[in-house]
Amino acid sequence: MGQDGGIYAEGFLMFTVLVIAMQLKVMSMTCTKTYINWAMWVLSFVGYLFFAWIYGLFSGIDGNDWYHIVNFALPQAQFWLAVFAIPTLFI
């Protein structure tokens, strides 16, 4: 706690909020909401986080500064507060 993740952590947060907001928009426009729709929504969000985590493990090899940003951001309570509060407030 009390550490600054820098521009990459803020960018990851903004992109994650954008992904959630767009998924919520699509779910709100869906006419038939079934358990399959909700399962695919959850699976796509978990898949996004899994891909970001895997990419963060290997991105430090090519000199990219995005190395382990997901590992830094995910345990932060402020990250999860922003991820769920911002899209629900603005949609």
Protein backbone atom coordinates (compact mmCIF):
# COMPACT_ATOMS: atom_id res chain seq x y z
CA MET A 1 0.00 0.00 0.00
CA GLY A 2 1.06 3.55 -0.53
CA GLN A 3 3.01 2.76 -3.69
CA ASP A 4 2.54 4.46 -7.02
CA GLY A 5 2.15 2.17 -10.00
CA GLY A 6 2.95 4.87 -12.50
CA ILE A 7 1.45 5.52 -15.88
CA TYR A 8 1.21 1.84 -16.82
CA ALA A 9 -0.90 0.96 -13.77
CA GLU A 10 -3.17 3.94 -14.44
CA GLY A 11 -3.47 2.93 -18.07
CA PHE A 12 -4.32 -0.63 -17.08
CA LEU A 13 -6.99 0.70 -14.74
CA MET A 14 -8.47 2.96 -17.42
CA PHE A 15 -8.51 0.20 -20.03
CA THR A 16 -10.07 -2.24 -17.54
CA VAL A 17 -12.78 0.28 -16.70
CA LEU A 18 -13.39 0.79 -20.43
CA VAL A 19 -13.70 -2.97 -21.00
CA ILE A 20 -16.20 -3.29 -18.14
CA ALA A 21 -18.21 -0.25 -19.29
CA MET A 22 -18.50 -1.57 -22.82
CA GLN A 23 -19.48 -5.02 -21.59
CA LEU A 24 -22.16 -3.48 -19.38
CA LYS A 25 -23.41 -1.45 -22.33
CA VAL A 26 -23.69 -4.58 -24.47
CA MET A 27 -25.43 -6.47 -21.65
CA SER A 28 -27.91 -3.61 -21.20
CA MET A 29 -28.74 -3.70 -24.92
CA THR A 30 -29.28 -7.47 -24.94
CA CYS A 31 -32.95 -8.38 -25.32
CA THR A 32 -32.75 -11.87 -23.83
CA LYS A 33 -30.69 -12.15 -20.68
CA THR A 34 -30.02 -15.80 -19.98
CA TYR A 35 -27.50 -17.60 -17.82
CA ILE A 36 -25.42 -18.19 -20.97
CA ASN A 37 -25.15 -14.44 -21.57
CA TRP A 38 -24.07 -13.82 -17.97
CA ALA A 39 -21.63 -16.74 -18.04
CA MET A 40 -20.01 -15.43 -21.23
CA TRP A 41 -19.81 -11.94 -19.73
CA VAL A 42 -18.02 -13.26 -16.64
CA LEU A 43 -15.82 -15.52 -18.78
CA SER A 44 -14.81 -12.62 -21.04
CA PHE A 45 -13.85 -10.43 -18.07
CA VAL A 46 -11.89 -13.23 -16.40
CA GLY A 47 -10.28 -14.02 -19.76
CA TYR A 48 -9.26 -10.38 -20.16
CA LEU A 49 -7.63 -10.34 -16.71
CA PHE A 50 -5.92 -13.68 -17.37
CA PHE A 51 -4.53 -12.45 -20.69
CA ALA A 52 -3.29 -9.22 -19.10
CA TRP A 53 -1.63 -11.20 -16.31
CA ILE A 54 0.10 -13.59 -18.76
CA TYR A 55 1.17 -10.69 -20.98
CA GLY A 56 2.61 -8.90 -17.95
CA LEU A 57 4.72 -11.92 -17.08
CA PHE A 58 6.49 -11.91 -20.43
CA SER A 59 6.40 -8.28 -21.49
CA GLY A 60 9.55 -7.38 -19.54
CA ILE A 61 11.64 -9.46 -21.94
CA ASP A 62 11.51 -6.91 -24.77
CA GLY A 63 12.28 -3.92 -22.55
CA ASN A 64 8.65 -2.99 -21.98
CA ASP A 65 7.95 -1.32 -18.64
CA TRP A 66 4.58 -3.09 -18.28
CA TYR A 67 6.28 -5.95 -16.45
CA HIS A 68 4.17 -7.20 -13.49
CA ILE A 69 1.77 -4.22 -13.54
CA VAL A 70 -1.20 -6.59 -13.24
CA ASN A 71 0.38 -8.22 -10.18
CA PHE A 72 0.76 -4.76 -8.67
CA ALA A 73 -2.72 -3.47 -9.56
CA LEU A 74 -5.00 -6.43 -8.77
CA PRO A 75 -4.37 -6.61 -4.99
CA GLN A 76 -5.09 -2.88 -4.59
CA ALA A 77 -8.50 -2.10 -3.09
CA GLN A 78 -8.61 1.20 -4.98
CA PHE A 79 -8.28 -0.68 -8.27
CA TRP A 80 -11.36 -2.83 -7.59
CA LEU A 81 -13.33 0.12 -6.25
CA ALA A 82 -12.66 2.04 -9.45
CA VAL A 83 -13.32 -0.98 -11.68
CA PHE A 84 -16.82 -1.48 -10.29
CA ALA A 85 -17.78 2.09 -9.30
CA ILE A 86 -16.83 4.07 -12.41
CA PRO A 87 -18.75 2.03 -15.03
CA THR A 88 -21.86 1.77 -12.86
CA LEU A 89 -21.86 5.50 -12.10
CA PHE A 90 -21.50 6.62 -15.70
CA ILE A 91 -23.66 4.15 -17.60
